Structure formats: structure tokens, C-alpha cells
């Protein structure tokens, strides 16, 4: 389960690394607003997945339930 969160953290970091040269949050107008909102949303996703990664249990042990075998039907010949 932890691998999934780690994968999401790495993918979000990769997206931020790729997008940062193209985004200019202090540029005026709609482009600046879009850049700022995109960066904030990416940081929110990154922090949420990082916290989920830290709080996920180490390993979930699944209990094996043994099913009782049905009693054999015996034919009685007379």
C-alpha cells in the first residue's frame, strides 16, 4: 500500500519539476493566476500523498481463514 503513495509522490514531484520553468506565478493577469493555482494544487496533492505515505501501516497481514471441509457423503449399501 505504501508503494502506491510513494509512486504518487514521485509522479507529482516530476510534474512540478517539469512545469516550474513554464509557470510564472508573479506574472500579471490570468496566466499568473492559473500558474499560482496550479502550483498550489500540485503542492496540496504532494503533501496529501506524502502524509498518507507516512501514516500508512507498514504491512498488512491478511488472516487466512481455513474453510471447513464438508463431510463426505457416505453411501450405505445394504
Foldseek 3Di string as FASTA:
>chain_A
DLVVLVVQLVVLVVVCVVCVVVQDLPDDDDSNVVSVVVVVVSVVSNVVSVVCSVPPDPDDDDDDDDDDDDDDDDDDDD
